[in-house]
Amino acid sequence: NKLYLEFGGKLVADHHAARILPGFHPHAKIELLERLKEQAEILICLYAGDIERRKTRADFGITYDADVLRLIDDLRRRDILVRGVVITRYQKQPVVDAFIRRLEQHDIPVFCHHTIYGYPANVDRIVSEEGYGCNCYIPTERPIVVVTAPGPGSGKMATCLSQVYHEHQRGVAAGYAKFETFPIWNLPLK
């Protein structure tokens, strides 16, 4: 009944993919989402440590937290529903708390997910009340929930799987898939 769809790479202005894949349009993903906007909503993940370290996007030279705000503005201009921002591996860092307050001042819902000890190897713990069950459930309404982020290591997959766990606890049939920009199956090593 519900699909949590992880989008790898940049959602808007994926110039890296356009450089690497001949003919790839840098706005292909966002244009796809514009066509699906009645069935889809967006969750944006941001690793708390990236906020704390002021990690920047090399292509635009802006911090990940600034990129999240830019992305939300872009999605809202396109009338695409942003359900909220998920702060992953949150540990109550003061600079992260300041960013959360900034999001909330702009009426952007924020959800905090904590570190799951033993992730990703201890499957029994991860798929339990001490694992995904400790993360808050994020209420969603549409059949497709796109989970994206400004960069890698953001917790997109863990957020998707945490949501799938909670959906199944509620009796909702939910699944996970990843939309991969680089599905090159037979690329030779050289």
C-alpha atoms as a PDB file:
ATOM      1  CA  ASN A   1       0.000   0.000   0.000  1.00  0.00           C
ATOM      2  CA  LYS A   2       2.955   2.297   0.503  1.00  0.00           C
ATOM      3  CA  LEU A   3       6.411   2.583  -1.026  1.00  0.00           C
ATOM      4  CA  TYR A   4       9.368   4.270   0.639  1.00  0.00           C
ATOM      5  CA  LEU A   5      11.541   5.258  -2.298  1.00  0.00           C
ATOM      6  CA  GLU A   6      15.118   6.316  -1.588  1.00  0.00           C
ATOM      7  CA  PHE A   7      16.469   8.746  -4.176  1.00  0.00           C
ATOM      8  CA  GLY A   8      20.250   8.588  -4.466  1.00  0.00           C
ATOM      9  CA  GLY A   9      22.234  11.502  -5.861  1.00  0.00           C
ATOM     10  CA  LYS A  10      21.001  15.050  -6.099  1.00  0.00           C
ATOM     11  CA  LEU A  11      17.259  15.559  -6.474  1.00  0.00           C
ATOM     12  CA  VAL A  12      17.614  18.894  -8.271  1.00  0.00           C
ATOM     13  CA  ALA A  13      20.534  19.995 -10.449  1.00  0.00           C
ATOM     14  CA  ASP A  14      22.355  16.653 -10.570  1.00  0.00           C
ATOM     15  CA  HIS A  15      25.230  17.993 -12.661  1.00  0.00           C
ATOM     16  CA  HIS A  16      27.483  15.107 -11.622  1.00  0.00           C
ATOM     17  CA  ALA A  17      25.111  12.588 -13.218  1.00  0.00           C
ATOM     18  CA  ALA A  18      24.802  14.834 -16.288  1.00  0.00           C
ATOM     19  CA  ARG A  19      28.611  14.877 -16.674  1.00  0.00           C
ATOM     20  CA  ILE A  20      28.960  11.121 -16.247  1.00  0.00           C
ATOM     21  CA  LEU A  21      25.904   9.873 -18.150  1.00  0.00           C
ATOM     22  CA  PRO A  22      25.645  11.260 -21.702  1.00  0.00           C
ATOM     23  CA  GLY A  23      22.150  12.589 -22.298  1.00  0.00           C
ATOM     24  CA  PHE A  24      21.134  12.650 -18.613  1.00  0.00           C
ATOM     25  CA  HIS A  25      19.261  15.849 -17.834  1.00  0.00           C
ATOM     26  CA  PRO A  26      20.321  17.381 -14.477  1.00  0.00           C
ATOM     27  CA  HIS A  27      16.662  18.017 -13.546  1.00  0.00           C
ATOM     28  CA  ALA A  28      15.274  14.624 -14.633  1.00  0.00           C
ATOM     29  CA  LYS A  29      14.488  13.467 -11.077  1.00  0.00           C
ATOM     30  CA  ILE A  30      12.614  16.593 -10.045  1.00  0.00           C
ATOM     31  CA  GLU A  31      10.683  16.562 -13.322  1.00  0.00           C
ATOM     32  CA  LEU A  32       9.661  12.962 -12.590  1.00  0.00           C
ATOM     33  CA  LEU A  33       8.499  14.001  -9.120  1.00  0.00           C
ATOM     34  CA  GLU A  34       6.481  16.868 -10.578  1.00  0.00           C
ATOM     35  CA  ARG A  35       4.536  14.282 -12.579  1.00  0.00           C
ATOM     36  CA  LEU A  36       4.005  12.163  -9.440  1.00  0.00           C
ATOM     37  CA  LYS A  37       3.279  14.996  -7.008  1.00  0.00           C
ATOM     38  CA  GLU A  38      -0.323  13.939  -6.381  1.00  0.00           C
ATOM     39  CA  GLN A  39       0.848  10.474  -5.247  1.00  0.00           C
ATOM     40  CA  ALA A  40       4.149  11.411  -3.578  1.00  0.00           C
ATOM     41  CA  GLU A  41       5.501  13.308  -0.604  1.00  0.00           C
ATOM     42  CA  ILE A  42       9.087  14.015   0.429  1.00  0.00           C
ATOM     43  CA  LEU A  43      11.167  13.331   3.527  1.00  0.00           C
ATOM     44  CA  ILE A  44      14.607  14.951   3.625  1.00  0.00           C
ATOM     45  CA  CYS A  45      17.296  13.313   5.777  1.00  0.00           C
ATOM     46  CA  LEU A  46      20.244  15.125   7.263  1.00  0.00           C
ATOM     47  CA  TYR A  47      22.899  13.503   9.433  1.00  0.00           C
ATOM     48  CA  ALA A  48      23.375  15.539  12.635  1.00  0.00           C
ATOM     49  CA  GLY A  49      27.154  15.173  12.371  1.00  0.00           C
ATOM     50  CA  ASP A  50      27.116  16.882   8.959  1.00  0.00           C
ATOM     51  CA  ILE A  51      25.354  19.880  10.500  1.00  0.00           C
ATOM     52  CA  GLU A  52      27.843  19.944  13.362  1.00  0.00           C
ATOM     53  CA  ARG A  53      30.861  19.771  10.997  1.00  0.00           C
ATOM     54  CA  ARG A  54      29.296  22.302   8.579  1.00  0.00           C
ATOM     55  CA  LYS A  55      29.772  19.849   5.707  1.00  0.00           C
ATOM     56  CA  THR A  56      29.471  21.528   2.308  1.00  0.00           C
ATOM     57  CA  ARG A  57      28.265  20.498  -1.122  1.00  0.00           C
ATOM     58  CA  ALA A  58      31.289  20.715  -3.404  1.00  0.00           C
ATOM     59  CA  ASP A  59      29.218  21.635  -6.464  1.00  0.00           C
ATOM     60  CA  PHE A  60      27.422  24.622  -4.904  1.00  0.00           C
ATOM     61  CA  GLY A  61      29.773  25.461  -2.016  1.00  0.00           C
ATOM     62  CA  ILE A  62      26.929  25.639   0.507  1.00  0.00           C
ATOM     63  CA  THR A  63      26.514  23.720   3.752  1.00  0.00           C
ATOM     64  CA  TYR A  64      24.216  20.708   3.848  1.00  0.00           C
ATOM     65  CA  ASP A  65      21.811  22.476   6.207  1.00  0.00           C
ATOM     66  CA  ALA A  66      21.586  25.465   3.832  1.00  0.00           C
ATOM     67  CA  ASP A  67      21.048  23.014   0.971  1.00  0.00           C
ATOM     68  CA  VAL A  68      18.128  21.437   2.833  1.00  0.00           C
ATOM     69  CA  LEU A  69      16.467  24.860   3.128  1.00  0.00           C
ATOM     70  CA  ARG A  70      17.167  25.552  -0.566  1.00  0.00           C
ATOM     71  CA  LEU A  71      15.688  22.174  -1.539  1.00  0.00           C
ATOM     72  CA  ILE A  72      12.551  22.733   0.547  1.00  0.00           C
ATOM     73  CA  ASP A  73      12.006  26.119  -1.107  1.00  0.00           C
ATOM     74  CA  ASP A  74      12.460  24.555  -4.548  1.00  0.00           C
ATOM     75  CA  LEU A  75      10.048  21.698  -3.802  1.00  0.00           C
ATOM     76  CA  ARG A  76       7.425  24.043  -2.363  1.00  0.00           C
ATOM     77  CA  ARG A  77       7.674  26.306  -5.437  1.00  0.00           C
ATOM     78  CA  ARG A  78       6.895  23.227  -7.536  1.00  0.00           C
ATOM     79  CA  ASP A  79       3.948  22.366  -5.270  1.00  0.00           C
ATOM     80  CA  ILE A  80       5.554  19.110  -4.110  1.00  0.00           C
ATOM     81  CA  LEU A  81       4.636  18.163  -0.549  1.00  0.00           C
ATOM     82  CA  VAL A  82       7.554  18.135   1.897  1.00  0.00           C
ATOM     83  CA  ARG A  83       6.435  16.031   4.866  1.00  0.00           C
ATOM     84  CA  GLY A  84       9.440  17.056   6.945  1.00  0.00           C
ATOM     85  CA  VAL A  85      13.118  16.806   7.736  1.00  0.00           C
ATOM     86  CA  VAL A  86      14.589  13.802   9.535  1.00  0.00           C
ATOM     87  CA  ILE A  87      17.673  14.552  11.612  1.00  0.00           C
ATOM     88  CA  THR A  88      19.508  11.233  11.767  1.00  0.00           C
ATOM     89  CA  ARG A  89      21.893   9.997  14.469  1.00  0.00           C
ATOM     90  CA  TYR A  90      20.783  12.937  16.582  1.00  0.00           C
ATOM     91  CA  GLN A  91      22.626  13.428  19.894  1.00  0.00           C
ATOM     92  CA  LYS A  92      21.247  16.764  21.139  1.00  0.00           C
ATOM     93  CA  GLN A  93      24.087  18.829  19.675  1.00  0.00           C
ATOM     94  CA  PRO A  94      23.522  22.582  20.299  1.00  0.00           C
ATOM     95  CA  VAL A  95      24.206  23.581  16.667  1.00  0.00           C
ATOM     96  CA  VAL A  96      21.742  20.902  15.507  1.00  0.00           C
ATOM     97  CA  ASP A  97      19.141  22.143  17.983  1.00  0.00           C
ATOM     98  CA  ALA A  98      19.566  25.651  16.536  1.00  0.00           C
ATOM     99  CA  PHE A  99      18.956  24.286  13.030  1.00  0.00           C
ATOM    100  CA  ILE A 100      15.877  22.399  14.250  1.00  0.00           C
ATOM    101  CA  ARG A 101      14.493  25.640  15.719  1.00  0.00           C
ATOM    102  CA  ARG A 102      15.152  27.392  12.398  1.00  0.00           C
ATOM    103  CA  LEU A 103      13.213  24.695  10.516  1.00  0.00           C
ATOM    104  CA  GLU A 104      10.333  24.844  12.976  1.00  0.00           C
ATOM    105  CA  GLN A 105      10.182  28.649  12.644  1.00  0.00           C
ATOM    106  CA  HIS A 106       9.555  28.058   8.931  1.00  0.00           C
ATOM    107  CA  ASP A 107       6.763  25.547   9.694  1.00  0.00           C
ATOM    108  CA  ILE A 108       8.857  22.583   8.614  1.00  0.00           C
ATOM    109  CA  PRO A 109       8.160  19.482  10.706  1.00  0.00           C
ATOM    110  CA  VAL A 110      11.296  17.905  12.176  1.00  0.00           C
ATOM    111  CA  PHE A 111      11.737  14.296  13.271  1.00  0.00           C
ATOM    112  CA  CYS A 112      14.802  13.078  15.144  1.00  0.00           C
ATOM    113  CA  HIS A 113      16.158   9.551  14.757  1.00  0.00           C
ATOM    114  CA  HIS A 114      18.859   8.303  17.069  1.00  0.00           C
ATOM    115  CA  THR A 115      21.850   6.065  16.596  1.00  0.00           C
ATOM    116  CA  ILE A 116      20.929   2.385  16.559  1.00  0.00           C
ATOM    117  CA  TYR A 117      23.746   0.520  18.253  1.00  0.00           C
ATOM    118  CA  GLY A 118      24.978  -2.406  16.210  1.00  0.00           C
ATOM    119  CA  TYR A 119      23.703  -0.906  12.936  1.00  0.00           C
ATOM    120  CA  PRO A 120      23.909  -2.375  10.295  1.00  0.00           C
ATOM    121  CA  ALA A 121      25.213  -5.792  11.481  1.00  0.00           C
ATOM    122  CA  ASN A 122      23.025  -6.674  14.483  1.00  0.00           C
ATOM    123  CA  VAL A 123      19.812  -7.399  12.588  1.00  0.00           C
ATOM    124  CA  ASP A 124      17.941  -8.836  15.585  1.00  0.00           C
ATOM    125  CA  ARG A 125      18.485  -5.621  17.542  1.00  0.00           C
ATOM    126  CA  ILE A 126      17.898  -3.324  14.554  1.00  0.00           C
ATOM    127  CA  VAL A 127      14.533  -4.874  13.692  1.00  0.00           C
ATOM    128  CA  SER A 128      13.144  -4.575  17.225  1.00  0.00           C
ATOM    129  CA  GLU A 129      11.771  -2.053  19.681  1.00  0.00           C
ATOM    130  CA  GLU A 130      15.384  -1.191  20.670  1.00  0.00           C
ATOM    131  CA  GLY A 131      16.275  -0.523  17.024  1.00  0.00           C
ATOM    132  CA  TYR A 132      13.850   0.907  14.490  1.00  0.00           C
ATOM    133  CA  GLY A 133      11.185   0.885  17.192  1.00  0.00           C
ATOM    134  CA  CYS A 134      13.067   3.607  19.110  1.00  0.00           C
ATOM    135  CA  ASN A 135      12.851   5.970  16.150  1.00  0.00           C
ATOM    136  CA  CYS A 136       9.727   8.061  15.996  1.00  0.00           C
ATOM    137  CA  TYR A 137       7.151   7.071  13.415  1.00  0.00           C
ATOM    138  CA  ILE A 138       6.644   9.773  10.796  1.00  0.00           C
ATOM    139  CA  PRO A 139       2.994   9.971   9.757  1.00  0.00           C
ATOM    140  CA  THR A 140       2.667  10.029   5.965  1.00  0.00           C
ATOM    141  CA  GLU A 141      -0.431  10.127   3.764  1.00  0.00           C
ATOM    142  CA  ARG A 142       0.526   9.365   0.191  1.00  0.00           C
ATOM    143  CA  PRO A 143       1.358   5.999  -1.392  1.00  0.00           C
ATOM    144  CA  ILE A 144       4.885   7.078  -2.425  1.00  0.00           C
ATOM    145  CA  VAL A 145       7.253   8.600   0.117  1.00  0.00           C
ATOM    146  CA  VAL A 146      10.453   9.812  -1.506  1.00  0.00           C
ATOM    147  CA  VAL A 147      13.374   9.960   0.913  1.00  0.00           C
ATOM    148  CA  THR A 148      16.242  12.185  -0.204  1.00  0.00           C
ATOM    149  CA  ALA A 149      19.199  14.075   1.242  1.00  0.00           C
ATOM    150  CA  PRO A 150      21.852  16.634   0.313  1.00  0.00           C
ATOM    151  CA  GLY A 151      24.572  13.966   0.285  1.00  0.00           C
ATOM    152  CA  PRO A 152      25.658  10.422   1.121  1.00  0.00           C
ATOM    153  CA  GLY A 153      25.694   8.919   4.607  1.00  0.00           C
ATOM    154  CA  SER A 154      22.597  10.873   5.565  1.00  0.00           C
ATOM    155  CA  GLY A 155      20.516   7.969   6.847  1.00  0.00           C
ATOM    156  CA  LYS A 156      18.102   7.708   3.924  1.00  0.00           C
ATOM    157  CA  MET A 157      18.034   3.919   3.868  1.00  0.00           C
ATOM    158  CA  ALA A 158      17.751   3.610   7.658  1.00  0.00           C
ATOM    159  CA  THR A 159      14.892   6.132   7.620  1.00  0.00           C
ATOM    160  CA  CYS A 160      13.072   4.165   4.918  1.00  0.00           C
ATOM    161  CA  LEU A 161      13.531   0.868   6.745  1.00  0.00           C
ATOM    162  CA  SER A 162      12.528   2.419  10.069  1.00  0.00           C
ATOM    163  CA  GLN A 163       9.316   3.649   8.450  1.00  0.00           C
ATOM    164  CA  VAL A 164       8.674   0.233   6.871  1.00  0.00           C
ATOM    165  CA  TYR A 165       9.145  -1.328  10.329  1.00  0.00           C
ATOM    166  CA  HIS A 166       6.630   1.085  11.904  1.00  0.00           C
ATOM    167  CA  GLU A 167       4.150   0.650   9.039  1.00  0.00           C
ATOM    168  CA  HIS A 168       4.232  -3.128   9.468  1.00  0.00           C
ATOM    169  CA  GLN A 169       3.692  -2.669  13.229  1.00  0.00           C
ATOM    170  CA  ARG A 170       0.532  -0.739  12.258  1.00  0.00           C
ATOM    171  CA  GLY A 171      -0.625  -3.414   9.797  1.00  0.00           C
ATOM    172  CA  VAL A 172       0.231  -1.381   6.695  1.00  0.00           C
ATOM    173  CA  ALA A 173       1.852  -3.228   3.792  1.00  0.00           C
ATOM    174  CA  ALA A 174       4.874  -1.070   2.996  1.00  0.00           C
ATOM    175  CA  GLY A 175       8.022  -1.644   0.975  1.00  0.00           C
ATOM    176  CA  TYR A 176      11.350  -0.086   0.143  1.00  0.00           C
ATOM    177  CA  ALA A 177      13.126   0.578  -3.144  1.00  0.00           C
ATOM    178  CA  LYS A 178      16.008   2.746  -4.281  1.00  0.00           C
ATOM    179  CA  PHE A 179      15.925   4.934  -7.376  1.00  0.00           C
ATOM    180  CA  GLU A 180      19.509   4.736  -8.564  1.00  0.00           C
ATOM    181  CA  THR A 181      20.908   7.264 -11.018  1.00  0.00           C
ATOM    182  CA  PHE A 182      23.739   5.030 -12.237  1.00  0.00           C
ATOM    183  CA  PRO A 183      22.288   1.626 -13.218  1.00  0.00           C
ATOM    184  CA  ILE A 184      25.215   0.645 -15.444  1.00  0.00           C
ATOM    185  CA  TRP A 185      25.286  -3.158 -15.342  1.00  0.00           C
ATOM    186  CA  ASN A 186      28.005  -4.060 -17.827  1.00  0.00           C
ATOM    187  CA  LEU A 187      30.606  -1.330 -17.498  1.00  0.00           C
ATOM    188  CA  PRO A 188      34.063  -2.841 -18.048  1.00  0.00           C
ATOM    189  CA  LEU A 189      36.678  -2.215 -15.339  1.00  0.00           C
ATOM    190  CA  LYS A 190      38.886  -0.234 -17.689  1.00  0.00           C
END
